[in-house]
Amino acid sequence: TIRLTDYGARANDSADDSPAFRAALADLSGGGTLLLPDGVLYLDAPVHVTRSNVTIRGGGMDQTQIVVRMTKQAAGEGEAAFLIEGDRGGSLGKVADTALRGSRRINLTADAPDLPSGTLLWFAAENDDAFLRALGTQSWDERYPQLQQFFSPVSAVAGSRISTLRSLDLDLPPGTDVRLVRPAKNVVLERFGIRHEIPGARPAEAAFVYENLYPDYQVSSIRYLWAEGGGVRDVAIEMTGKHALAFERSYAIEGEGVIVNGAWNKGKGGTGYVRFSQAQRCTLRDVDIRGIRHVVFQWGASHNRIVSSRLYVDVNFHGGF
């Protein structure tokens, strides 16, 4: 366990605390807990977590406040104040023959290396012409993002045959890519508040306005990408710049006791969401969501749940089949 204050952070001084976060996280290469002080911290650049088994813990959503001041340009490609990011990994090979929904066995075109049980795999097939025709879509015919995709931990590998711990969610056609995911595992953010501030802007002016009022500040609050396990607990998110929470291409992330209130941008191009995108088996429990555009399940997201929660916005389903 280490403390952010040991790396130069000082609450309530208006200075950018992102260098302290970077230095502290570099010392958690093997995992551990980073404790945040009470008071107000400031971010002018993102907090990027790529290692597993890391917890970032404040003193409470009212005691520890993080003010996000960064622009979209400052946030970089991740476009998030807190980006928890693994990697999709290399290809194990292609599916040799059709693997049927409900099965747990997949034949590859070549032998795969031995893998420990529980290793996360990602299966993804292109949206080819036959698939799009079967959908009957009349307004969307893109190759990507891939809708025929899902995650499963591996059970065993024997030569070119892979056995999965979970039954296949859908038929996998020959040529489906099988990826050995290198996720950021068990990263937990807990017990603090986040609010996005824009110079000269007042939250009241964005209430019930479904436009992108400040496109230069389209920065998400918390984004999990190629992640597994872990999640967000007892965190309050106010006036996000893009998405309050985004679970993307991730597996088994959980959010509990999260409060979401408001977004500066809620317009075209997909802003102002709590977002599940190509994510599987993620859960939100006891959350309160208001003042944003949508809670959205999209692009083949499946087996995700929202339980015992209060939603004052609509729930949108699209890009599935």
Protein backbone atom coordinates (compact mmCIF):
# COMPACT_ATOMS: atom_id res chain seq x y z
CA THR A 1 0.00 0.00 0.00
CA ILE A 2 1.32 3.43 -0.96
CA ARG A 3 0.01 7.00 -0.62
CA LEU A 4 -0.37 9.52 -3.43
CA THR A 5 0.94 12.23 -1.11
CA ASP A 6 4.29 10.44 -1.00
CA TYR A 7 4.64 11.22 -4.71
CA GLY A 8 4.10 14.95 -4.54
CA ALA A 9 0.31 15.26 -4.55
CA ARG A 10 -1.17 17.91 -2.29
CA ALA A 11 -4.91 18.26 -1.90
CA ASN A 12 -6.59 21.64 -2.40
CA ASP A 13 -3.61 23.37 -4.01
CA SER A 14 -5.06 23.57 -7.58
CA ALA A 15 -1.91 21.95 -9.03
CA ASP A 16 -2.10 19.10 -11.54
CA ASP A 17 -1.83 15.81 -9.67
CA SER A 18 -1.52 13.54 -12.72
CA PRO A 19 2.32 13.34 -12.44
CA ALA A 20 1.91 12.00 -8.89
CA PHE A 21 -0.53 9.36 -10.14
CA ARG A 22 1.88 8.28 -12.89
CA ALA A 23 4.81 7.99 -10.49
CA ALA A 24 2.80 6.08 -7.89
CA LEU A 25 1.33 3.63 -10.40
CA ALA A 26 4.81 2.93 -11.76
CA ASP A 27 5.71 1.66 -8.28
CA LEU A 28 2.71 -0.72 -8.29
CA SER A 29 4.11 -2.91 -11.04
CA GLY A 30 3.18 -6.02 -9.06
CA GLY A 31 -0.19 -4.68 -7.92
CA GLY A 32 -1.26 -3.06 -4.69
CA THR A 33 -3.32 -0.20 -3.31
CA LEU A 34 -2.89 3.52 -3.92
CA LEU A 35 -4.47 5.64 -1.19
CA LEU A 36 -5.77 9.11 -2.05
CA PRO A 37 -5.94 11.93 0.48
CA ASP A 38 -9.07 13.73 1.59
CA GLY A 39 -9.65 17.03 -0.18
CA VAL A 40 -9.63 18.08 -3.83
CA LEU A 41 -7.19 16.66 -6.40
CA TYR A 42 -6.84 17.92 -9.98
CA LEU A 43 -6.24 16.11 -13.27
CA ASP A 44 -4.97 17.89 -16.37
CA ALA A 45 -3.85 14.58 -17.93
CA PRO A 46 -5.22 11.04 -17.73
CA VAL A 47 -4.58 8.35 -15.15
CA HIS A 48 -3.68 5.28 -17.22
CA VAL A 49 -3.70 1.89 -15.46
CA THR A 50 -2.26 -0.98 -17.51
CA ARG A 51 -1.21 -3.30 -14.68
CA SER A 52 -3.38 -5.84 -12.89
CA ASN A 53 -4.46 -6.12 -9.26
CA VAL A 54 -4.37 -2.37 -8.62
CA THR A 55 -6.81 -0.56 -6.32
CA ILE A 56 -7.13 3.23 -6.23
CA ARG A 57 -8.96 4.16 -3.02
CA GLY A 58 -10.09 7.50 -1.67
CA GLY A 59 -11.51 8.44 1.71
CA GLY A 60 -15.12 8.53 0.47
CA MET A 61 -17.05 10.05 -2.41
CA ASP A 62 -17.52 13.28 -0.40
CA GLN A 63 -14.12 13.29 1.29
CA THR A 64 -11.91 12.76 -1.80
CA GLN A 65 -12.87 14.81 -4.86
CA ILE A 66 -11.07 14.62 -8.21
CA VAL A 67 -11.61 17.58 -10.55
CA VAL A 68 -11.01 16.78 -14.22
CA ARG A 69 -9.88 19.83 -16.18
CA MET A 70 -8.39 18.16 -19.25
CA THR A 71 -9.45 18.70 -22.83
CA LYS A 72 -9.99 15.92 -25.33
CA GLN A 73 -6.58 16.73 -26.82
CA ALA A 74 -4.89 16.43 -23.43
CA ALA A 75 -6.64 13.12 -22.76
CA GLY A 76 -5.16 11.56 -25.90
CA GLU A 77 -6.48 8.52 -27.74
CA GLY A 78 -7.98 6.99 -24.59
CA GLU A 79 -10.27 10.01 -24.13
CA ALA A 80 -10.76 9.24 -20.43
CA ALA A 81 -9.71 10.66 -17.08
CA PHE A 82 -9.24 7.13 -15.71
CA LEU A 83 -8.35 4.61 -18.42
CA ILE A 84 -7.96 0.98 -17.35
CA GLU A 85 -6.52 -0.72 -20.38
CA GLY A 86 -5.23 -4.16 -21.30
CA ASP A 87 -4.56 -5.51 -24.77
CA ARG A 88 -6.52 -7.75 -27.11
CA GLY A 89 -3.40 -9.88 -27.50
CA GLY A 90 -2.13 -11.96 -30.37
CA SER A 91 -4.08 -14.38 -32.47
CA LEU A 92 -4.12 -18.05 -31.47
CA GLY A 93 -5.38 -18.88 -34.94
CA LYS A 94 -8.63 -19.27 -36.83
CA VAL A 95 -11.62 -21.51 -36.25
CA ALA A 96 -11.31 -24.49 -38.61
CA ASP A 97 -14.94 -25.57 -38.86
CA THR A 98 -18.23 -24.22 -37.56
CA ALA A 99 -18.44 -24.35 -33.77
CA LEU A 100 -22.07 -24.48 -32.73
CA ARG A 101 -23.76 -22.40 -30.10
CA GLY A 102 -23.93 -24.30 -26.80
CA SER A 103 -20.75 -26.23 -27.51
CA ARG A 104 -17.57 -25.87 -25.47
CA ARG A 105 -15.13 -27.21 -28.04
CA ILE A 106 -13.49 -25.30 -30.87
CA ASN A 107 -11.14 -26.69 -33.50
CA LEU A 108 -8.42 -24.38 -34.78
CA THR A 109 -6.54 -24.53 -38.05
CA ALA A 110 -3.26 -25.07 -36.13
CA ASP A 111 -2.07 -26.21 -32.72
CA ALA A 112 -2.35 -23.71 -29.89
CA PRO A 113 0.10 -23.37 -26.97
CA ASP A 114 -0.79 -24.77 -23.56
CA LEU A 115 -2.79 -22.22 -21.58
CA PRO A 116 -3.67 -22.13 -17.88
CA SER A 117 -7.32 -22.72 -17.09
CA GLY A 118 -9.13 -19.39 -16.83
CA THR A 119 -7.06 -17.63 -19.50
CA LEU A 120 -9.38 -15.19 -21.27
CA LEU A 121 -10.02 -15.62 -24.97
CA TRP A 122 -11.88 -13.35 -27.39
CA PHE A 123 -13.68 -14.81 -30.38
CA ALA A 124 -14.55 -12.42 -33.22
CA ALA A 125 -15.91 -13.06 -36.72
CA GLU A 126 -16.23 -10.45 -39.44
CA ASN A 127 -19.62 -9.06 -40.36
CA ASP A 128 -19.52 -10.71 -43.79
CA ASP A 129 -22.20 -10.48 -46.47
CA ALA A 130 -23.89 -13.70 -45.41
CA PHE A 131 -24.17 -12.54 -41.81
CA LEU A 132 -25.50 -9.11 -42.77
CA ARG A 133 -28.07 -10.69 -45.11
CA ALA A 134 -29.18 -13.02 -42.32
CA LEU A 135 -29.68 -9.98 -40.09
CA GLY A 136 -31.91 -8.39 -42.69
CA THR A 137 -30.33 -5.02 -41.97
CA GLN A 138 -31.37 -2.24 -44.31
CA SER A 139 -29.56 0.73 -42.83
CA TRP A 140 -26.22 -0.64 -41.56
CA ASP A 141 -23.78 -2.90 -43.39
CA GLU A 142 -20.39 -2.18 -41.84
CA ARG A 143 -17.62 -4.75 -41.38
CA TYR A 144 -16.70 -3.38 -37.96
CA PRO A 145 -17.29 -3.37 -35.06
CA GLN A 146 -17.74 -7.11 -35.10
CA LEU A 147 -21.11 -8.19 -33.73
CA GLN A 148 -20.30 -11.91 -33.76
CA GLN A 149 -17.95 -11.72 -30.81
CA PHE A 150 -17.73 -12.80 -27.19
CA PHE A 151 -15.30 -13.67 -24.40
CA SER A 152 -14.78 -16.96 -22.62
CA PRO A 153 -12.12 -18.27 -20.25
CA VAL A 154 -10.35 -21.36 -21.51
CA SER A 155 -10.75 -24.72 -19.80
CA ALA A 156 -8.05 -26.73 -21.59
CA VAL A 157 -6.01 -26.90 -24.79
CA ALA A 158 -5.14 -30.12 -26.56
CA GLY A 159 -3.29 -29.54 -29.81
CA SER A 160 -5.62 -27.65 -32.11
CA ARG A 161 -8.68 -28.14 -29.89
CA ILE A 162 -9.71 -25.54 -27.33
CA SER A 163 -12.22 -26.25 -24.58
CA THR A 164 -13.93 -23.27 -22.97
CA LEU A 165 -15.33 -22.87 -19.46
CA ARG A 166 -18.49 -21.30 -20.86
CA SER A 167 -20.71 -22.56 -23.62
CA LEU A 168 -20.48 -20.66 -26.89
CA ASP A 169 -22.96 -17.80 -27.12
CA LEU A 170 -23.34 -18.12 -30.88
CA ASP A 171 -22.26 -20.17 -33.87
CA LEU A 172 -18.66 -19.42 -34.86
CA PRO A 173 -18.08 -19.69 -38.62
CA PRO A 174 -14.81 -20.95 -40.09
CA GLY A 175 -12.23 -18.19 -40.12
CA THR A 176 -13.32 -16.67 -36.79
CA ASP A 177 -10.31 -15.07 -35.13
CA VAL A 178 -9.36 -16.35 -31.65
CA ARG A 179 -7.37 -13.90 -29.53
CA LEU A 180 -5.34 -14.52 -26.39
CA VAL A 181 -6.38 -11.45 -24.41
CA ARG A 182 -3.88 -9.73 -22.13
CA PRO A 183 -6.37 -7.93 -19.90
CA ALA A 184 -5.83 -5.45 -17.12
CA LYS A 185 -7.24 -7.68 -14.36
CA ASN A 186 -8.91 -6.81 -11.09
CA VAL A 187 -8.42 -3.04 -11.21
CA VAL A 188 -10.67 -1.36 -8.63
CA LEU A 189 -11.55 2.33 -8.30
CA GLU A 190 -13.35 3.13 -5.07
CA ARG A 191 -14.47 5.72 -2.55
CA PHE A 192 -14.00 9.05 -4.32
CA GLY A 193 -15.87 11.59 -6.41
CA ILE A 194 -15.09 12.83 -9.94
CA ARG A 195 -16.39 16.02 -11.47
CA HIS A 196 -15.49 17.62 -14.79
CA GLU A 197 -15.05 21.38 -14.82
CA ILE A 198 -14.95 23.65 -17.86
CA PRO A 199 -13.79 27.29 -17.56
CA GLY A 200 -16.77 29.63 -17.49
CA ALA A 201 -19.35 26.85 -17.80
CA ARG A 202 -22.19 26.16 -15.37
CA PRO A 203 -23.84 22.72 -15.01
CA ALA A 204 -27.32 24.26 -15.16
CA GLU A 205 -26.81 25.31 -18.77
CA ALA A 206 -26.36 21.65 -19.82
CA ALA A 207 -29.45 20.28 -18.05
CA PHE A 208 -31.84 18.66 -20.55
CA VAL A 209 -29.75 19.94 -23.47
CA TYR A 210 -29.04 17.08 -25.88
CA GLU A 211 -26.22 18.65 -27.83
CA ASN A 212 -22.44 18.65 -27.64
CA LEU A 213 -22.03 21.98 -25.86
CA TYR A 214 -18.28 21.63 -25.28
CA PRO A 215 -16.84 19.20 -27.86
CA ASP A 216 -13.26 20.09 -26.92
CA TYR A 217 -13.95 18.57 -23.49
CA GLN A 218 -15.32 15.21 -24.61
CA VAL A 219 -13.45 13.20 -22.00
CA SER A 220 -14.97 10.15 -20.30
CA SER A 221 -14.71 9.79 -16.55
CA ILE A 222 -13.90 6.08 -16.21
CA ARG A 223 -13.21 3.70 -19.09
CA TYR A 224 -12.37 -0.01 -18.93
CA LEU A 225 -10.95 -1.39 -22.19
CA TRP A 226 -9.71 -4.97 -22.61
CA ALA A 227 -10.13 -5.48 -18.88
CA GLU A 228 -11.27 -8.40 -16.73
CA GLY A 229 -12.66 -8.35 -13.21
CA GLY A 230 -12.44 -5.48 -10.78
CA GLY A 231 -14.68 -2.44 -11.11
CA VAL A 232 -15.98 0.75 -9.57
CA ARG A 233 -17.34 1.03 -6.03
CA ASP A 234 -18.83 3.96 -4.15
CA VAL A 235 -17.82 6.55 -6.71
CA ALA A 236 -19.79 9.70 -7.59
CA ILE A 237 -19.42 11.07 -11.14
CA GLU A 238 -20.65 14.59 -11.90
CA MET A 239 -20.84 16.36 -15.26
CA THR A 240 -18.85 13.91 -17.33
CA GLY A 241 -17.36 15.22 -20.55
CA LYS A 242 -18.23 12.17 -22.66
CA HIS A 243 -19.22 8.91 -20.93
CA ALA A 244 -19.54 8.61 -17.18
CA LEU A 245 -18.72 4.89 -17.25
CA ALA A 246 -17.62 2.85 -20.25
CA PHE A 247 -17.10 -0.92 -20.19
CA GLU A 248 -15.67 -1.73 -23.62
CA ARG A 249 -14.38 -5.08 -24.87
CA SER A 250 -14.21 -6.11 -21.24
CA TYR A 251 -15.34 -9.08 -19.18
CA ALA A 252 -16.89 -9.36 -15.73
CA ILE A 253 -16.45 -5.75 -14.59
CA GLU A 254 -18.70 -4.66 -11.71
CA GLY A 255 -19.96 -1.29 -10.55
CA GLU A 256 -21.65 -0.89 -7.16
CA GLY A 257 -22.85 2.14 -5.26
CA VAL A 258 -22.06 4.46 -8.19
CA ILE A 259 -23.82 7.81 -8.56
CA VAL A 260 -23.89 9.47 -12.00
CA ASN A 261 -25.27 12.98 -12.35
CA GLY A 262 -24.97 15.06 -15.51
CA ALA A 263 -22.96 15.40 -18.71
CA TRP A 264 -21.66 18.44 -20.55
CA ASN A 265 -22.03 16.72 -23.92
CA LYS A 266 -25.11 14.69 -24.84
CA GLY A 267 -25.27 15.04 -28.61
CA LYS A 268 -24.54 13.39 -31.94
CA GLY A 269 -21.69 10.96 -32.33
CA GLY A 270 -22.49 9.08 -29.13
CA THR A 271 -21.82 11.16 -26.01
CA GLY A 272 -23.33 11.24 -22.55
CA TYR A 273 -23.59 7.48 -21.91
CA VAL A 274 -23.12 4.83 -19.34
CA ARG A 275 -21.83 2.42 -21.95
CA PHE A 276 -21.56 -1.34 -22.37
CA SER A 277 -19.88 -1.94 -25.75
CA GLN A 278 -18.73 -5.42 -26.85
CA ALA A 279 -18.68 -6.19 -23.13
CA GLN A 280 -19.82 -9.41 -21.49
CA ARG A 281 -20.99 -10.39 -18.01
CA CYS A 282 -20.57 -6.93 -16.50
CA THR A 283 -22.87 -5.79 -13.68
CA LEU A 284 -24.08 -2.52 -12.23
CA ARG A 285 -25.68 -2.84 -8.82
CA ASP A 286 -27.24 -0.19 -6.59
CA VAL A 287 -26.41 2.67 -8.96
CA ASP A 288 -28.18 6.00 -9.42
CA ILE A 289 -28.00 7.48 -12.94
CA ARG A 290 -29.49 10.78 -14.04
CA GLY A 291 -28.78 13.80 -16.20
CA ILE A 292 -27.04 11.92 -19.04
CA ARG A 293 -28.29 10.79 -22.46
CA HIS A 294 -28.55 6.98 -22.33
CA VAL A 295 -27.56 3.81 -20.62
CA VAL A 296 -26.55 1.87 -23.71
CA PHE A 297 -25.85 -1.77 -24.56
CA GLN A 298 -24.26 -1.89 -28.00
CA TRP A 299 -22.20 -3.76 -30.58
CA GLY A 300 -22.87 -7.30 -29.46
CA ALA A 301 -22.71 -6.65 -25.71
CA SER A 302 -24.29 -9.60 -23.89
CA HIS A 303 -25.00 -11.12 -20.47
CA ASN A 304 -24.68 -7.71 -18.79
CA ARG A 305 -26.97 -6.75 -15.90
CA ILE A 306 -28.23 -3.72 -14.02
CA VAL A 307 -29.62 -4.76 -10.65
CA SER A 308 -31.47 -2.92 -7.85
CA SER A 309 -30.72 0.48 -9.36
CA ARG A 310 -32.40 3.82 -10.06
CA LEU A 311 -32.28 4.98 -13.67
CA TYR A 312 -33.72 8.38 -14.56
CA VAL A 313 -32.66 8.06 -18.22
CA ASP A 314 -33.64 5.71 -21.01
CA VAL A 315 -31.94 2.39 -21.76
CA ASN A 316 -30.87 1.99 -25.38
CA PHE A 317 -30.12 -1.30 -27.15
CA HIS A 318 -28.48 -1.21 -30.58
CA GLY A 319 -25.90 -2.94 -32.67
CA GLY A 320 -26.93 -6.41 -31.49
CA PHE A 321 -28.65 -9.39 -33.04
